[in-house]
Amino acid sequence: MFESFRNFHLLYQSHYHCYIDRYNGTINGKLIQEDMDQEQSVANDINKILRGIASMSNTLEDLSSRVQHMEEELQKIQKNQPEFPLISDEEPQEETFVPPPFPENIEDLDVFCEWVANVENFFQENMISEYKQVPLIVGTLPSEEGGVLSWWKQIYDLDYRIDKYYLIKWKEMKKMLMVRYLSPDCLETNKDPPLKNID
């Protein structure tokens, strides 16, 4: 009886250890399989990256060859084309207009009238706007002390104090110059003689 119990106990232990070994093997097998799966996933990712790098490298080589080809073609075209003068980056300068000079003997009526006619022809031929006419003439006035330029500056300052938004026009400047430099006697002697009374 005791011997039978002992044999049963040994058989039970044998089956128990076998079961434990199986269980441990399953657990260890699962862990090993998971490690292998993880390593395989990393390897797949690395392969994808390597394939991407290879593709990018091929693309860059293709682009480099295209650029080189385009540069060679451009050099051929430039050699066959005639040379053109370089276009300057400087802004085009505005055309300058120089009106007739202010005469020295402006007090002479004939000289004054000739100068006025030349000035007005200059304005018309060059299509000078009325807002630019007076500044152009002022640029020709003699600058000696007490001369016509000093006189005109006084006129301009007075006009600015009265109405700073008003600009003196050429017709007004011409009349003021006439009053300043032509004497009444000069104007009187150049008037047409009066008509005789027929009665």
C-alpha atoms as a PDB file:
ATOM      1  CA  MET A   1       0.000   0.000   0.000  1.00  0.00           C
ATOM      2  CA  PHE A   2       2.707   2.416   0.915  1.00  0.00           C
ATOM      3  CA  GLU A   3       4.650   1.409  -2.131  1.00  0.00           C
ATOM      4  CA  SER A   4       1.691   2.123  -4.376  1.00  0.00           C
ATOM      5  CA  PHE A   5       1.227   5.541  -2.828  1.00  0.00           C
ATOM      6  CA  ARG A   6       4.903   6.260  -3.295  1.00  0.00           C
ATOM      7  CA  ASN A   7       4.739   5.292  -6.929  1.00  0.00           C
ATOM      8  CA  PHE A   8       1.668   7.479  -7.448  1.00  0.00           C
ATOM      9  CA  HIS A   9       3.452  10.388  -5.795  1.00  0.00           C
ATOM     10  CA  LEU A  10       6.464   9.997  -8.036  1.00  0.00           C
ATOM     11  CA  LEU A  11       4.243   9.804 -11.110  1.00  0.00           C
ATOM     12  CA  TYR A  12       2.395  12.941 -10.023  1.00  0.00           C
ATOM     13  CA  GLN A  13       5.631  14.851  -9.501  1.00  0.00           C
ATOM     14  CA  SER A  14       6.844  13.708 -12.882  1.00  0.00           C
ATOM     15  CA  HIS A  15       3.693  14.951 -14.618  1.00  0.00           C
ATOM     16  CA  TYR A  16       3.779  18.172 -12.579  1.00  0.00           C
ATOM     17  CA  HIS A  17       7.362  18.986 -13.539  1.00  0.00           C
ATOM     18  CA  CYS A  18       6.602  18.142 -17.130  1.00  0.00           C
ATOM     19  CA  TYR A  19       3.658  20.524 -17.083  1.00  0.00           C
ATOM     20  CA  ILE A  20       5.783  23.248 -15.474  1.00  0.00           C
ATOM     21  CA  ASP A  21       8.488  22.756 -18.058  1.00  0.00           C
ATOM     22  CA  ARG A  22       5.903  23.025 -20.816  1.00  0.00           C
ATOM     23  CA  TYR A  23       4.451  26.177 -19.301  1.00  0.00           C
ATOM     24  CA  ASN A  24       7.860  27.784 -18.906  1.00  0.00           C
ATOM     25  CA  GLY A  25       8.753  26.805 -22.409  1.00  0.00           C
ATOM     26  CA  THR A  26       5.590  28.417 -23.711  1.00  0.00           C
ATOM     27  CA  ILE A  27       6.300  31.630 -21.827  1.00  0.00           C
ATOM     28  CA  ASN A  28       9.904  31.699 -22.892  1.00  0.00           C
ATOM     29  CA  GLY A  29       8.871  30.852 -26.418  1.00  0.00           C
ATOM     30  CA  LYS A  30       6.443  33.732 -26.498  1.00  0.00           C
ATOM     31  CA  LEU A  31       9.087  36.142 -25.227  1.00  0.00           C
ATOM     32  CA  ILE A  32      11.587  34.899 -27.761  1.00  0.00           C
ATOM     33  CA  GLN A  33       9.001  35.208 -30.536  1.00  0.00           C
ATOM     34  CA  GLU A  34       8.144  38.755 -29.469  1.00  0.00           C
ATOM     35  CA  ASP A  35      11.823  39.701 -29.492  1.00  0.00           C
ATOM     36  CA  MET A  36      12.209  38.215 -32.945  1.00  0.00           C
ATOM     37  CA  ASP A  37       9.115  40.034 -34.201  1.00  0.00           C
ATOM     38  CA  GLN A  38      10.396  43.324 -32.808  1.00  0.00           C
ATOM     39  CA  GLU A  39      13.814  42.822 -34.382  1.00  0.00           C
ATOM     40  CA  GLN A  40      12.152  41.995 -37.694  1.00  0.00           C
ATOM     41  CA  SER A  41      10.051  45.185 -37.494  1.00  0.00           C
ATOM     42  CA  VAL A  42      13.158  47.291 -36.843  1.00  0.00           C
ATOM     43  CA  ALA A  43      14.917  45.580 -39.730  1.00  0.00           C
ATOM     44  CA  ASN A  44      11.958  46.341 -42.005  1.00  0.00           C
ATOM     45  CA  ASP A  45      12.027  50.017 -40.969  1.00  0.00           C
ATOM     46  CA  ILE A  46      15.754  50.216 -41.638  1.00  0.00           C
ATOM     47  CA  ASN A  47      15.243  48.652 -45.065  1.00  0.00           C
ATOM     48  CA  LYS A  48      12.533  51.204 -45.862  1.00  0.00           C
ATOM     49  CA  ILE A  49      14.840  54.062 -44.854  1.00  0.00           C
ATOM     50  CA  LEU A  50      17.674  52.637 -46.940  1.00  0.00           C
ATOM     51  CA  ARG A  51      15.376  52.272 -49.947  1.00  0.00           C
ATOM     52  CA  GLY A  52      14.224  55.880 -49.455  1.00  0.00           C
ATOM     53  CA  ILE A  53      17.815  57.110 -49.273  1.00  0.00           C
ATOM     54  CA  ALA A  54      18.675  55.186 -52.414  1.00  0.00           C
ATOM     55  CA  SER A  55      15.672  56.679 -54.215  1.00  0.00           C
ATOM     56  CA  MET A  56      16.602  60.208 -53.107  1.00  0.00           C
ATOM     57  CA  SER A  57      20.181  59.641 -54.184  1.00  0.00           C
ATOM     58  CA  ASN A  58      19.012  58.553 -57.627  1.00  0.00           C
ATOM     59  CA  THR A  59      16.737  61.597 -57.862  1.00  0.00           C
ATOM     60  CA  LEU A  60      19.557  63.964 -56.894  1.00  0.00           C
ATOM     61  CA  GLU A  61      21.876  62.371 -59.420  1.00  0.00           C
ATOM     62  CA  ASP A  62      19.199  62.759 -62.091  1.00  0.00           C
ATOM     63  CA  LEU A  63      18.662  66.421 -61.194  1.00  0.00           C
ATOM     64  CA  SER A  64      22.392  67.063 -61.160  1.00  0.00           C
ATOM     65  CA  SER A  65      22.772  65.585 -64.624  1.00  0.00           C
ATOM     66  CA  ARG A  66      19.832  67.650 -65.889  1.00  0.00           C
ATOM     67  CA  VAL A  67      21.290  70.869 -64.473  1.00  0.00           C
ATOM     68  CA  GLN A  68      24.654  70.113 -66.012  1.00  0.00           C
ATOM     69  CA  HIS A  69      23.008  69.452 -69.371  1.00  0.00           C
ATOM     70  CA  MET A  70      21.045  72.717 -69.177  1.00  0.00           C
ATOM     71  CA  GLU A  71      24.192  74.686 -68.322  1.00  0.00           C
ATOM     72  CA  GLU A  72      25.995  73.185 -71.298  1.00  0.00           C
ATOM     73  CA  GLU A  73      23.103  74.040 -73.623  1.00  0.00           C
ATOM     74  CA  LEU A  74      22.930  77.577 -72.227  1.00  0.00           C
ATOM     75  CA  GLN A  75      26.628  78.107 -72.867  1.00  0.00           C
ATOM     76  CA  LYS A  76      26.159  76.938 -76.451  1.00  0.00           C
ATOM     77  CA  ILE A  77      23.269  79.371 -76.962  1.00  0.00           C
ATOM     78  CA  GLN A  78      25.217  82.267 -75.442  1.00  0.00           C
ATOM     79  CA  LYS A  79      28.170  81.592 -77.708  1.00  0.00           C
ATOM     80  CA  ASN A  80      25.946  81.716 -80.796  1.00  0.00           C
ATOM     81  CA  GLN A  81      24.102  84.907 -79.788  1.00  0.00           C
ATOM     82  CA  PRO A  82      25.462  88.399 -80.582  1.00  0.00           C
ATOM     83  CA  GLU A  83      26.535  90.519 -77.665  1.00  0.00           C
ATOM     84  CA  PHE A  84      24.136  93.215 -76.560  1.00  0.00           C
ATOM     85  CA  PRO A  85      25.058  96.270 -74.498  1.00  0.00           C
ATOM     86  CA  LEU A  86      24.323  95.895 -70.827  1.00  0.00           C
ATOM     87  CA  ILE A  87      21.220  97.657 -69.566  1.00  0.00           C
ATOM     88  CA  SER A  88      22.065 100.103 -66.833  1.00  0.00           C
ATOM     89  CA  ASP A  89      20.304  99.724 -63.518  1.00  0.00           C
ATOM     90  CA  GLU A  90      20.425 103.484 -62.978  1.00  0.00           C
ATOM     91  CA  GLU A  91      17.157 105.356 -63.158  1.00  0.00           C
ATOM     92  CA  PRO A  92      16.748 107.415 -66.324  1.00  0.00           C
ATOM     93  CA  GLN A  93      17.545 111.038 -65.669  1.00  0.00           C
ATOM     94  CA  GLU A  94      14.824 113.550 -66.315  1.00  0.00           C
ATOM     95  CA  GLU A  95      15.481 115.677 -69.367  1.00  0.00           C
ATOM     96  CA  THR A  96      16.678 119.117 -68.398  1.00  0.00           C
ATOM     97  CA  PHE A  97      15.421 122.220 -70.179  1.00  0.00           C
ATOM     98  CA  VAL A  98      17.471 125.402 -70.290  1.00  0.00           C
ATOM     99  CA  PRO A  99      15.454 128.500 -71.175  1.00  0.00           C
ATOM    100  CA  PRO A 100      16.939 131.540 -72.934  1.00  0.00           C
ATOM    101  CA  PRO A 101      19.350 133.470 -70.695  1.00  0.00           C
ATOM    102  CA  PHE A 102      18.216 136.605 -68.936  1.00  0.00           C
ATOM    103  CA  PRO A 103      19.552 139.594 -70.939  1.00  0.00           C
ATOM    104  CA  GLU A 104      21.896 142.111 -69.337  1.00  0.00           C
ATOM    105  CA  ASN A 105      20.256 145.190 -70.886  1.00  0.00           C
ATOM    106  CA  ILE A 106      16.739 144.172 -69.899  1.00  0.00           C
ATOM    107  CA  GLU A 107      15.760 147.859 -69.601  1.00  0.00           C
ATOM    108  CA  ASP A 108      15.782 148.152 -73.392  1.00  0.00           C
ATOM    109  CA  LEU A 109      12.242 147.605 -74.664  1.00  0.00           C
ATOM    110  CA  ASP A 110      13.303 145.771 -77.827  1.00  0.00           C
ATOM    111  CA  VAL A 111      15.601 143.488 -75.843  1.00  0.00           C
ATOM    112  CA  PHE A 112      12.866 142.837 -73.301  1.00  0.00           C
ATOM    113  CA  CYS A 113      10.285 142.014 -75.976  1.00  0.00           C
ATOM    114  CA  GLU A 114      12.691 139.725 -77.841  1.00  0.00           C
ATOM    115  CA  TRP A 115      13.567 137.881 -74.621  1.00  0.00           C
ATOM    116  CA  VAL A 116       9.887 137.403 -73.738  1.00  0.00           C
ATOM    117  CA  ALA A 117       9.166 136.054 -77.230  1.00  0.00           C
ATOM    118  CA  ASN A 118      12.076 133.600 -77.022  1.00  0.00           C
ATOM    119  CA  VAL A 119      10.996 132.427 -73.574  1.00  0.00           C
ATOM    120  CA  GLU A 120       7.411 131.798 -74.653  1.00  0.00           C
ATOM    121  CA  ASN A 121       8.556 129.952 -77.787  1.00  0.00           C
ATOM    122  CA  PHE A 122      10.771 127.817 -75.563  1.00  0.00           C
ATOM    123  CA  PHE A 123       7.810 126.972 -73.314  1.00  0.00           C
ATOM    124  CA  GLN A 124       5.650 126.050 -76.286  1.00  0.00           C
ATOM    125  CA  GLU A 125       8.225 123.959 -78.143  1.00  0.00           C
ATOM    126  CA  ASN A 126       9.147 121.930 -75.060  1.00  0.00           C
ATOM    127  CA  MET A 127       5.579 121.774 -73.717  1.00  0.00           C
ATOM    128  CA  ILE A 128       6.613 123.163 -70.338  1.00  0.00           C
ATOM    129  CA  SER A 129       3.711 123.210 -67.883  1.00  0.00           C
ATOM    130  CA  GLU A 130       2.828 126.539 -66.305  1.00  0.00           C
ATOM    131  CA  TYR A 131       3.853 125.224 -62.885  1.00  0.00           C
ATOM    132  CA  LYS A 132       7.438 124.716 -64.097  1.00  0.00           C
ATOM    133  CA  GLN A 133       7.798 127.866 -66.170  1.00  0.00           C
ATOM    134  CA  VAL A 134       8.575 130.356 -63.396  1.00  0.00           C
ATOM    135  CA  PRO A 135      11.121 128.102 -61.601  1.00  0.00           C
ATOM    136  CA  LEU A 136      12.964 127.644 -64.912  1.00  0.00           C
ATOM    137  CA  ILE A 137      13.160 131.391 -65.482  1.00  0.00           C
ATOM    138  CA  VAL A 138      14.241 132.031 -61.884  1.00  0.00           C
ATOM    139  CA  GLY A 139      17.169 129.688 -62.534  1.00  0.00           C
ATOM    140  CA  THR A 140      18.441 132.088 -65.231  1.00  0.00           C
ATOM    141  CA  LEU A 141      18.248 135.276 -63.144  1.00  0.00           C
ATOM    142  CA  PRO A 142      21.596 136.899 -62.268  1.00  0.00           C
ATOM    143  CA  SER A 143      22.583 136.259 -58.656  1.00  0.00           C
ATOM    144  CA  GLU A 144      24.587 139.395 -57.906  1.00  0.00           C
ATOM    145  CA  GLU A 145      23.712 141.212 -54.694  1.00  0.00           C
ATOM    146  CA  GLY A 146      20.834 143.599 -55.119  1.00  0.00           C
ATOM    147  CA  GLY A 147      20.101 142.258 -58.579  1.00  0.00           C
ATOM    148  CA  VAL A 148      16.996 140.799 -60.155  1.00  0.00           C
ATOM    149  CA  LEU A 149      17.257 137.502 -58.260  1.00  0.00           C
ATOM    150  CA  SER A 150      17.269 139.275 -54.876  1.00  0.00           C
ATOM    151  CA  TRP A 151      14.299 141.344 -55.974  1.00  0.00           C
ATOM    152  CA  TRP A 152      12.395 138.249 -57.091  1.00  0.00           C
ATOM    153  CA  LYS A 153      13.054 136.453 -53.798  1.00  0.00           C
ATOM    154  CA  GLN A 154      11.442 139.368 -51.973  1.00  0.00           C
ATOM    155  CA  ILE A 155       8.418 139.118 -54.257  1.00  0.00           C
ATOM    156  CA  TYR A 156       8.213 135.366 -53.700  1.00  0.00           C
ATOM    157  CA  ASP A 157       8.520 135.631 -49.909  1.00  0.00           C
ATOM    158  CA  LEU A 158       5.812 138.292 -49.786  1.00  0.00           C
ATOM    159  CA  ASP A 159       3.494 136.221 -51.951  1.00  0.00           C
ATOM    160  CA  TYR A 160       4.123 133.142 -49.781  1.00  0.00           C
ATOM    161  CA  ARG A 161       3.237 135.047 -46.611  1.00  0.00           C
ATOM    162  CA  ILE A 162       0.000 136.246 -48.172  1.00  0.00           C
ATOM    163  CA  ASP A 163      -1.029 132.862 -49.611  1.00  0.00           C
ATOM    164  CA  LYS A 164       1.424 129.980 -49.342  1.00  0.00           C
ATOM    165  CA  TYR A 165      -0.706 127.790 -51.628  1.00  0.00           C
ATOM    166  CA  TYR A 166      -0.670 130.228 -54.550  1.00  0.00           C
ATOM    167  CA  LEU A 167       1.992 129.960 -57.245  1.00  0.00           C
ATOM    168  CA  ILE A 168       2.938 132.947 -59.356  1.00  0.00           C
ATOM    169  CA  LYS A 169       2.510 132.171 -63.056  1.00  0.00           C
ATOM    170  CA  TRP A 170       4.692 133.298 -65.942  1.00  0.00           C
ATOM    171  CA  LYS A 171       2.186 135.897 -67.168  1.00  0.00           C
ATOM    172  CA  GLU A 172       2.260 137.567 -63.759  1.00  0.00           C
ATOM    173  CA  MET A 173       6.050 137.388 -63.552  1.00  0.00           C
ATOM    174  CA  LYS A 174       6.350 138.914 -67.006  1.00  0.00           C
ATOM    175  CA  LYS A 175       4.177 141.878 -65.991  1.00  0.00           C
ATOM    176  CA  MET A 176       6.149 142.421 -62.764  1.00  0.00           C
ATOM    177  CA  LEU A 177       9.427 142.405 -64.707  1.00  0.00           C
ATOM    178  CA  MET A 178       7.945 144.864 -67.147  1.00  0.00           C
ATOM    179  CA  VAL A 179       6.924 147.228 -64.355  1.00  0.00           C
ATOM    180  CA  ARG A 180      10.341 146.977 -62.691  1.00  0.00           C
ATOM    181  CA  TYR A 181      12.636 147.354 -65.715  1.00  0.00           C
ATOM    182  CA  LEU A 182      10.697 149.285 -68.327  1.00  0.00           C
ATOM    183  CA  SER A 183      10.185 152.970 -67.608  1.00  0.00           C
ATOM    184  CA  PRO A 184       6.889 154.683 -68.422  1.00  0.00           C
ATOM    185  CA  ASP A 185       8.754 156.954 -70.833  1.00  0.00           C
ATOM    186  CA  CYS A 186       9.983 153.914 -72.724  1.00  0.00           C
ATOM    187  CA  LEU A 187       6.433 152.648 -73.042  1.00  0.00           C
ATOM    188  CA  GLU A 188       5.108 156.053 -74.009  1.00  0.00           C
ATOM    189  CA  THR A 189       7.647 156.554 -76.801  1.00  0.00           C
ATOM    190  CA  ASN A 190       6.724 153.191 -78.303  1.00  0.00           C
ATOM    191  CA  LYS A 191       2.994 153.830 -78.391  1.00  0.00           C
ATOM    192  CA  ASP A 192       1.292 154.239 -81.725  1.00  0.00           C
ATOM    193  CA  PRO A 193       0.599 157.887 -82.535  1.00  0.00           C
ATOM    194  CA  PRO A 194      -2.996 158.965 -81.871  1.00  0.00           C
ATOM    195  CA  LEU A 195      -5.358 159.186 -84.803  1.00  0.00           C
ATOM    196  CA  LYS A 196      -5.884 162.681 -86.173  1.00  0.00           C
ATOM    197  CA  ASN A 197      -9.280 164.238 -85.864  1.00  0.00           C
ATOM    198  CA  ILE A 198     -10.826 164.296 -89.303  1.00  0.00           C
ATOM    199  CA  ASP A 199     -13.362 166.911 -88.346  1.00  0.00           C
END
